[in-house]
Amino acid sequence: MCLAVPALVVECVGEDALTDMHGNRVRVSTVLVPEVKVGDWVLIHAGFALQKLDEEEAKETFGVLADLERHAGADL
């Protein structure tokens, strides 16, 4: 299963961005969303920012992921 996760852009340099996912810093390519700037939320998969998100969409996605984690833990 593939999963894309939201992250906050904290630094942009050329076609690369440093993002923050709940304290985890990850460098990604912004070649697919060249309009991205510091402070934007992006959806990340396989080292690429795929699209911009608004903050509410990012929070919703984190909520869904947390629910999945809780349910997966209950099944173990």
N, C-alpha and C. Protein backbone atom coordinates (compact mmCIF):
# COMPACT_ATOMS: atom_id res chain seq x y z
N MET A 1 0.85 -1.17 0.00
CA MET A 1 0.00 0.00 0.00
C MET A 1 0.90 1.24 0.00
N CYS A 2 0.55 2.19 -0.82
CA CYS A 2 1.28 3.47 -0.88
C CYS A 2 0.51 4.51 -0.08
N LEU A 3 1.25 5.40 0.52
CA LEU A 3 0.63 6.41 1.35
C LEU A 3 1.32 7.75 1.14
N ALA A 4 0.53 8.78 0.93
CA ALA A 4 1.06 10.15 0.87
C ALA A 4 0.68 10.84 2.17
N VAL A 5 1.59 11.62 2.72
CA VAL A 5 1.35 12.26 4.01
C VAL A 5 1.57 13.76 3.91
N PRO A 6 0.84 14.53 4.71
CA PRO A 6 1.02 15.98 4.69
C PRO A 6 2.26 16.41 5.46
N ALA A 7 2.83 17.52 5.03
CA ALA A 7 3.99 18.09 5.70
C ALA A 7 3.99 19.60 5.49
N LEU A 8 4.57 20.30 6.44
CA LEU A 8 4.69 21.75 6.38
C LEU A 8 6.04 22.12 5.78
N VAL A 9 6.04 23.00 4.79
CA VAL A 9 7.28 23.44 4.17
C VAL A 9 7.95 24.47 5.08
N VAL A 10 9.20 24.19 5.48
CA VAL A 10 9.92 25.10 6.37
C VAL A 10 11.10 25.80 5.69
N GLU A 11 11.49 25.30 4.52
CA GLU A 11 12.59 25.93 3.78
C GLU A 11 12.48 25.53 2.31
N CYS A 12 12.74 26.47 1.42
CA CYS A 12 12.75 26.18 -0.02
C CYS A 12 14.07 26.64 -0.62
N VAL A 13 14.67 25.76 -1.42
CA VAL A 13 15.91 26.09 -2.13
C VAL A 13 15.79 25.48 -3.52
N GLY A 14 15.59 26.32 -4.52
CA GLY A 14 15.43 25.81 -5.88
C GLY A 14 14.22 24.91 -5.98
N GLU A 15 14.43 23.69 -6.47
CA GLU A 15 13.34 22.72 -6.62
C GLU A 15 13.29 21.74 -5.45
N ASP A 16 13.90 22.09 -4.33
CA ASP A 16 13.87 21.25 -3.13
C ASP A 16 13.25 22.02 -1.98
N ALA A 17 12.67 21.27 -1.06
CA ALA A 17 12.10 21.87 0.15
C ALA A 17 12.43 20.99 1.34
N LEU A 18 12.63 21.64 2.46
CA LEU A 18 12.75 20.94 3.74
C LEU A 18 11.36 21.01 4.36
N THR A 19 10.82 19.86 4.72
CA THR A 19 9.47 19.81 5.28
C THR A 19 9.49 19.24 6.68
N ASP A 20 8.44 19.51 7.42
CA ASP A 20 8.28 19.03 8.79
C ASP A 20 7.00 18.21 8.88
N MET A 21 7.16 16.95 9.30
CA MET A 21 6.01 16.06 9.54
C MET A 21 6.04 15.67 11.01
N HIS A 22 5.36 16.43 11.85
CA HIS A 22 5.33 16.16 13.28
C HIS A 22 6.72 16.03 13.88
N GLY A 23 7.61 16.94 13.50
CA GLY A 23 8.96 16.93 14.06
C GLY A 23 9.99 16.19 13.24
N ASN A 24 9.55 15.40 12.28
CA ASN A 24 10.49 14.71 11.38
C ASN A 24 10.77 15.61 10.19
N ARG A 25 12.02 15.92 9.97
CA ARG A 25 12.42 16.79 8.86
C ARG A 25 12.77 15.92 7.65
N VAL A 26 12.16 16.23 6.51
CA VAL A 26 12.37 15.45 5.29
C VAL A 26 12.58 16.40 4.12
N ARG A 27 13.64 16.17 3.34
CA ARG A 27 13.86 16.94 2.11
C ARG A 27 13.08 16.28 0.98
N VAL A 28 12.37 17.10 0.20
CA VAL A 28 11.57 16.59 -0.91
C VAL A 28 11.76 17.47 -2.14
N SER A 29 11.43 16.92 -3.28
CA SER A 29 11.46 17.67 -4.53
C SER A 29 10.13 18.40 -4.70
N THR A 30 10.20 19.64 -5.15
CA THR A 30 8.99 20.42 -5.42
C THR A 30 8.79 20.63 -6.91
N VAL A 31 9.45 19.81 -7.73
CA VAL A 31 9.37 19.97 -9.17
C VAL A 31 7.92 19.86 -9.68
N LEU A 32 7.07 19.10 -8.99
CA LEU A 32 5.67 18.93 -9.41
C LEU A 32 4.76 20.06 -8.94
N VAL A 33 5.22 20.83 -7.96
CA VAL A 33 4.46 21.97 -7.44
C VAL A 33 5.40 23.16 -7.24
N PRO A 34 5.86 23.76 -8.34
CA PRO A 34 6.89 24.80 -8.25
C PRO A 34 6.44 26.07 -7.52
N GLU A 35 5.14 26.23 -7.32
CA GLU A 35 4.63 27.43 -6.63
C GLU A 35 4.72 27.34 -5.11
N VAL A 36 5.16 26.20 -4.59
CA VAL A 36 5.23 25.99 -3.14
C VAL A 36 6.21 26.97 -2.50
N LYS A 37 5.82 27.47 -1.32
CA LYS A 37 6.68 28.39 -0.57
C LYS A 37 6.65 28.03 0.91
N VAL A 38 7.56 28.61 1.68
CA VAL A 38 7.63 28.36 3.12
C VAL A 38 6.27 28.70 3.74
N GLY A 39 5.81 27.79 4.60
CA GLY A 39 4.52 27.97 5.26
C GLY A 39 3.39 27.21 4.60
N ASP A 40 3.62 26.70 3.39
CA ASP A 40 2.60 25.91 2.70
C ASP A 40 2.58 24.48 3.24
N TRP A 41 1.43 23.86 3.17
CA TRP A 41 1.28 22.44 3.46
C TRP A 41 1.28 21.71 2.13
N VAL A 42 1.99 20.56 2.08
CA VAL A 42 2.05 19.76 0.86
C VAL A 42 1.78 18.30 1.20
N LEU A 43 1.34 17.57 0.20
CA LEU A 43 1.15 16.13 0.32
C LEU A 43 2.39 15.48 -0.28
N ILE A 44 3.07 14.62 0.50
CA ILE A 44 4.35 14.03 0.09
C ILE A 44 4.23 12.53 -0.12
N HIS A 45 4.85 12.08 -1.20
CA HIS A 45 4.95 10.65 -1.47
C HIS A 45 6.26 10.39 -2.22
N ALA A 46 7.02 9.42 -1.79
CA ALA A 46 8.23 8.97 -2.47
C ALA A 46 9.21 10.10 -2.77
N GLY A 47 9.34 11.03 -1.83
CA GLY A 47 10.30 12.10 -1.98
C GLY A 47 9.86 13.29 -2.81
N PHE A 48 8.59 13.31 -3.19
CA PHE A 48 8.05 14.40 -4.00
C PHE A 48 6.86 15.05 -3.31
N ALA A 49 6.79 16.37 -3.38
CA ALA A 49 5.58 17.08 -3.00
C ALA A 49 4.63 16.95 -4.19
N LEU A 50 3.47 16.35 -3.96
CA LEU A 50 2.54 16.08 -5.06
C LEU A 50 1.54 17.20 -5.29
N GLN A 51 1.11 17.84 -4.20
CA GLN A 51 0.14 18.92 -4.32
C GLN A 51 0.14 19.74 -3.04
N LYS A 52 -0.37 20.95 -3.15
CA LYS A 52 -0.53 21.80 -1.97
C LYS A 52 -1.83 21.43 -1.28
N LEU A 53 -1.85 21.58 0.04
CA LEU A 53 -3.04 21.36 0.87
C LEU A 53 -3.26 22.60 1.71
N ASP A 54 -4.49 22.80 2.15
CA ASP A 54 -4.66 23.83 3.17
C ASP A 54 -4.47 23.16 4.53
N GLU A 55 -4.30 23.96 5.55
CA GLU A 55 -3.99 23.43 6.89
C GLU A 55 -5.09 22.50 7.39
N GLU A 56 -6.34 22.83 7.10
CA GLU A 56 -7.46 21.99 7.55
C GLU A 56 -7.39 20.60 6.92
N GLU A 57 -7.07 20.52 5.62
CA GLU A 57 -6.92 19.22 4.96
C GLU A 57 -5.79 18.42 5.59
N ALA A 58 -4.69 19.09 5.92
CA ALA A 58 -3.56 18.42 6.55
C ALA A 58 -3.97 17.84 7.91
N LYS A 59 -4.68 18.64 8.71
CA LYS A 59 -5.12 18.16 10.03
C LYS A 59 -6.10 17.00 9.90
N GLU A 60 -7.00 17.06 8.93
CA GLU A 60 -7.94 15.96 8.69
C GLU A 60 -7.19 14.68 8.35
N THR A 61 -6.19 14.79 7.50
CA THR A 61 -5.41 13.62 7.10
C THR A 61 -4.66 13.03 8.28
N PHE A 62 -4.06 13.90 9.13
CA PHE A 62 -3.39 13.39 10.33
C PHE A 62 -4.38 12.66 11.24
N GLY A 63 -5.62 13.16 11.32
CA GLY A 63 -6.64 12.51 12.13
C GLY A 63 -6.98 11.12 11.60
N VAL A 64 -7.11 11.00 10.29
CA VAL A 64 -7.40 9.70 9.68
C VAL A 64 -6.25 8.73 9.92
N LEU A 65 -5.02 9.21 9.77
CA LEU A 65 -3.86 8.35 10.01
C LEU A 65 -3.79 7.89 11.46
N ALA A 66 -4.13 8.78 12.39
CA ALA A 66 -4.13 8.41 13.81
C ALA A 66 -5.20 7.35 14.08
N ASP A 67 -6.38 7.50 13.48
CA ASP A 67 -7.43 6.49 13.62
C ASP A 67 -6.99 5.14 13.09
N LEU A 68 -6.35 5.14 11.92
CA LEU A 68 -5.86 3.90 11.34
C LEU A 68 -4.84 3.23 12.25
N GLU A 69 -3.96 4.03 12.83
CA GLU A 69 -2.95 3.49 13.73
C GLU A 69 -3.59 2.86 14.97
N ARG A 70 -4.61 3.55 15.52
CA ARG A 70 -5.29 3.01 16.71
C ARG A 70 -5.99 1.70 16.38
N HIS A 71 -6.66 1.64 15.24
CA HIS A 71 -7.38 0.43 14.85
C HIS A 71 -6.42 -0.71 14.52
N ALA A 72 -5.31 -0.41 13.87
CA ALA A 72 -4.33 -1.44 13.55
C ALA A 72 -3.74 -2.01 14.82
N GLY A 73 -3.48 -1.17 15.82
CA GLY A 73 -2.94 -1.64 17.09
C GLY A 73 -3.91 -2.53 17.83
N ALA A 74 -5.22 -2.26 17.68
CA ALA A 74 -6.24 -3.06 18.36
C ALA A 74 -6.34 -4.44 17.74
N ASP A 75 -5.97 -4.57 16.46
CA ASP A 75 -6.07 -5.85 15.77
C ASP A 75 -4.89 -6.77 16.06
N LEU A 76 -3.83 -6.22 16.65
CA LEU A 76 -2.63 -7.05 16.90
C LEU A 76 -2.77 -7.93 18.09
